[in-house]
Amino acid sequence: MDNLFGSLGNAFGGLLSLIWLIIVIWAIVKVAKSGASTLAKVIWIIVLIFFPLIGLILWLLFGPKG
């Protein structure tokens, strides 16, 4: 029985990781398409890659719009 729940936990964790990856990639694409300067785009993309959770929150609050 423990093995069953362990497998479900691994599958659920993998699904959440995949969803998180898709969200971060979406944010990077939005930054790349924004009207911000090239330097701002590069900085935001670096922040999103190296600090995905904090970077995504900061981008949603302060990032380039459009």
Protein backbone atom coordinates (compact mmCIF):
# COMPACT_ATOMS: atom_id res chain seq x y z
CA MET A 1 0.00 0.00 0.00
CA ASP A 2 2.86 2.39 0.80
CA ASN A 3 4.30 1.69 -2.63
CA LEU A 4 1.06 2.76 -4.29
CA PHE A 5 0.96 6.10 -2.46
CA GLY A 6 4.66 6.64 -3.15
CA SER A 7 4.05 6.17 -6.85
CA LEU A 8 1.09 8.54 -6.82
CA GLY A 9 3.15 11.12 -4.95
CA ASN A 10 5.94 10.86 -7.50
CA ALA A 11 3.51 11.21 -10.40
CA PHE A 12 1.80 14.21 -8.79
CA GLY A 13 5.15 15.85 -8.05
CA GLY A 14 6.24 15.30 -11.63
CA LEU A 15 3.03 16.83 -12.93
CA LEU A 16 3.45 19.89 -10.70
CA SER A 17 7.04 20.27 -11.86
CA LEU A 18 5.94 20.13 -15.49
CA ILE A 19 3.24 22.75 -14.89
CA TRP A 20 5.77 24.98 -13.10
CA LEU A 21 8.22 24.61 -16.00
CA ILE A 22 5.51 25.60 -18.49
CA ILE A 23 4.65 28.69 -16.42
CA VAL A 24 8.29 29.79 -16.24
CA ILE A 25 8.77 29.25 -19.99
CA TRP A 26 5.60 31.26 -20.64
CA ALA A 27 6.96 34.10 -18.49
CA ILE A 28 10.27 34.04 -20.39
CA VAL A 29 8.44 34.23 -23.73
CA LYS A 30 6.31 37.13 -22.44
CA VAL A 31 9.47 38.97 -21.34
CA ALA A 32 11.15 38.35 -24.69
CA LYS A 33 8.11 39.74 -26.56
CA SER A 34 7.69 42.77 -24.29
CA GLY A 35 8.60 46.30 -25.25
CA ALA A 36 11.29 46.55 -22.57
CA SER A 37 14.88 47.34 -23.40
CA THR A 38 17.21 44.50 -24.34
CA LEU A 39 19.12 44.83 -21.06
CA ALA A 40 15.91 44.64 -19.02
CA LYS A 41 14.80 41.56 -20.98
CA VAL A 42 18.13 39.81 -20.39
CA ILE A 43 18.05 40.60 -16.66
CA TRP A 44 14.47 39.36 -16.27
CA ILE A 45 15.21 36.16 -18.19
CA ILE A 46 18.30 35.47 -16.05
CA VAL A 47 16.28 36.07 -12.87
CA LEU A 48 13.52 33.74 -14.10
CA ILE A 49 16.00 30.99 -14.96
CA PHE A 50 18.14 31.09 -11.82
CA PHE A 51 15.41 32.00 -9.29
CA PRO A 52 12.21 30.54 -10.76
CA LEU A 53 9.88 31.00 -7.76
CA ILE A 54 11.07 34.40 -6.58
CA GLY A 55 11.72 35.53 -10.15
CA LEU A 56 8.19 34.67 -11.25
CA ILE A 57 6.66 36.50 -8.31
CA LEU A 58 8.85 39.56 -8.91
CA TRP A 59 8.12 39.47 -12.64
CA LEU A 60 4.37 39.35 -12.00
CA LEU A 61 4.64 42.34 -9.65
CA PHE A 62 7.29 44.50 -11.32
CA GLY A 63 8.07 43.05 -14.74
CA PRO A 64 7.51 44.60 -18.15
CA LYS A 65 3.89 44.57 -19.25
CA GLY A 66 2.75 43.85 -22.77
